[in-house]
Protein backbone atom coordinates (compact mmCIF):
# COMPACT_ATOMS: atom_id res chain seq x y z
CA UNK A 1 -158.22 4.72 34.96
CA UNK A 2 -161.90 4.79 34.05
CA UNK A 3 -163.39 1.57 32.78
CA UNK A 4 -164.72 1.84 29.26
CA UNK A 5 -168.22 0.49 28.77
CA UNK A 6 -168.05 -0.06 25.05
CA UNK A 7 -166.85 -3.52 24.18
CA UNK A 8 -164.63 -4.49 21.30
CA UNK A 9 -165.83 -7.57 19.56
CA UNK A 10 -163.02 -10.12 19.59
CA UNK A 11 -161.67 -11.20 16.23
CA UNK A 12 -162.73 -14.84 15.86
CA UNK A 13 -160.36 -17.41 14.38
CA UNK A 14 -162.48 -17.68 11.23
CA UNK A 15 -162.69 -13.92 10.65
CA UNK A 16 -162.14 -12.36 7.26
CA UNK A 17 -158.67 -11.14 8.23
CA UNK A 18 -157.55 -14.60 9.32
CA UNK A 19 -158.87 -16.07 6.08
CA UNK A 20 -157.01 -13.34 4.18
CA UNK A 21 -153.79 -14.06 6.10
CA UNK A 22 -154.01 -17.76 5.43
CA UNK A 23 -154.89 -17.56 1.74
CA UNK A 24 -153.89 -14.27 0.16
CA UNK A 25 -151.34 -12.42 2.26
CA UNK A 26 -147.94 -12.31 0.66
CA UNK A 27 -146.08 -10.92 3.66
CA UNK A 28 -145.14 -13.14 6.60
CA UNK A 29 -145.08 -10.10 8.93
CA UNK A 30 -148.67 -9.40 7.97
CA UNK A 31 -149.73 -13.00 8.60
CA UNK A 32 -148.01 -13.00 12.00
CA UNK A 33 -149.66 -9.76 13.14
CA UNK A 34 -153.12 -10.88 12.00
CA UNK A 35 -152.76 -14.14 13.90
CA UNK A 36 -151.43 -12.37 17.02
CA UNK A 37 -154.43 -10.04 17.06
CA UNK A 38 -156.89 -12.87 16.42
CA UNK A 39 -155.28 -15.21 18.95
CA UNK A 40 -155.16 -12.66 21.77
CA UNK A 41 -158.31 -10.59 21.29
CA UNK A 42 -160.39 -12.80 23.58
CA UNK A 43 -157.73 -12.74 26.31
CA UNK A 44 -157.70 -8.94 26.19
CA UNK A 45 -161.50 -8.84 26.31
CA UNK A 46 -161.47 -11.06 29.41
CA UNK A 47 -158.84 -8.88 31.08
CA UNK A 48 -160.99 -5.82 30.38
CA UNK A 49 -164.10 -7.55 31.72
CA UNK A 50 -162.25 -8.34 34.98
CA UNK A 51 -160.66 -4.91 35.30
CA UNK A 52 -157.15 -6.35 34.87
CA UNK A 53 -155.82 -3.35 32.97
CA UNK A 54 -152.20 -3.87 34.04
CA UNK A 55 -152.28 -7.44 32.76
CA UNK A 56 -153.95 -6.33 29.55
CA UNK A 57 -151.32 -3.65 28.97
CA UNK A 58 -148.52 -6.17 29.50
CA UNK A 59 -150.24 -8.41 26.98
CA UNK A 60 -150.59 -5.54 24.51
CA UNK A 61 -146.87 -4.79 24.91
CA UNK A 62 -146.26 -8.28 23.51
CA UNK A 63 -147.59 -7.05 20.16
CA UNK A 64 -144.66 -4.63 19.83
CA UNK A 65 -142.26 -6.82 17.82
CA UNK A 66 -145.06 -7.95 15.51
CA UNK A 67 -146.25 -4.38 14.88
CA UNK A 68 -142.69 -3.15 14.35
CA UNK A 69 -141.95 -5.92 11.85
CA UNK A 70 -145.26 -5.26 10.11
CA UNK A 71 -144.39 -1.60 9.52
CA UNK A 72 -140.85 -2.50 8.49
CA UNK A 73 -141.91 -5.16 5.97
CA UNK A 74 -145.41 -4.26 4.74
CA UNK A 75 -146.59 -1.34 2.61
CA UNK A 76 -150.01 -0.61 4.14
CA UNK A 77 -150.99 1.79 1.36
CA UNK A 78 -150.65 -0.82 -1.39
CA UNK A 79 -151.62 0.13 -4.94
CA UNK A 80 -154.22 -2.66 -4.93
CA UNK A 81 -157.29 -1.11 -3.26
CA UNK A 82 -158.50 -4.47 -1.89
CA UNK A 83 -155.16 -5.19 -0.22
CA UNK A 84 -154.91 -1.61 1.09
CA UNK A 85 -158.43 -1.79 2.55
CA UNK A 86 -157.68 -5.11 4.25
CA UNK A 87 -154.48 -3.71 5.75
CA UNK A 88 -156.28 -0.61 6.97
CA UNK A 89 -158.94 -2.89 8.49
CA UNK A 90 -156.18 -4.69 10.40
CA UNK A 91 -154.79 -1.40 11.71
CA UNK A 92 -158.28 -0.21 12.74
CA UNK A 93 -158.95 -3.52 14.51
CA UNK A 94 -155.67 -3.33 16.41
CA UNK A 95 -156.36 0.31 17.32
CA UNK A 96 -159.82 -0.58 18.63
CA UNK A 97 -158.49 -3.54 20.58
CA UNK A 98 -155.89 -1.37 22.34
CA UNK A 99 -158.26 1.59 22.80
CA UNK A 100 -160.71 -0.64 24.65
CA UNK A 101 -158.06 -0.99 27.36
CA UNK A 102 -156.40 2.44 27.36
CA UNK A 103 -156.17 5.66 25.39
CA UNK A 104 -152.49 5.47 24.47
CA UNK A 105 -152.70 8.61 22.32
CA UNK A 106 -152.05 10.65 25.47
CA UNK A 107 -148.76 8.91 26.28
CA UNK A 108 -145.82 11.28 25.89
CA UNK A 109 -142.31 9.87 25.95
CA UNK A 110 -139.76 11.38 28.31
CA UNK A 111 -136.99 13.25 26.58
CA UNK A 112 -133.62 13.43 28.19
């Protein structure tokens, strides 16, 4: 696996999304996912810096229940443009965090 040179800036604890989660988010699944991303971004960045892609992927796999609950419980495309934009920002941040480790768009599940 080729090492990507572009770095993803970790989401700091005082980032806009964390502030949003703590003050305005109405959905607990949304709050949990935002905090998971914020809490683990630096760990993933360190794993990338040290070439520990297997460890990073295992760590990313830990997001699965939070992402699943988020999509079960949260309407990303909310009627309120500000809420929708914030939710899309969260999805873009999570995408960028994962893409810094691996391009998972090429993963094809086995059938049968």
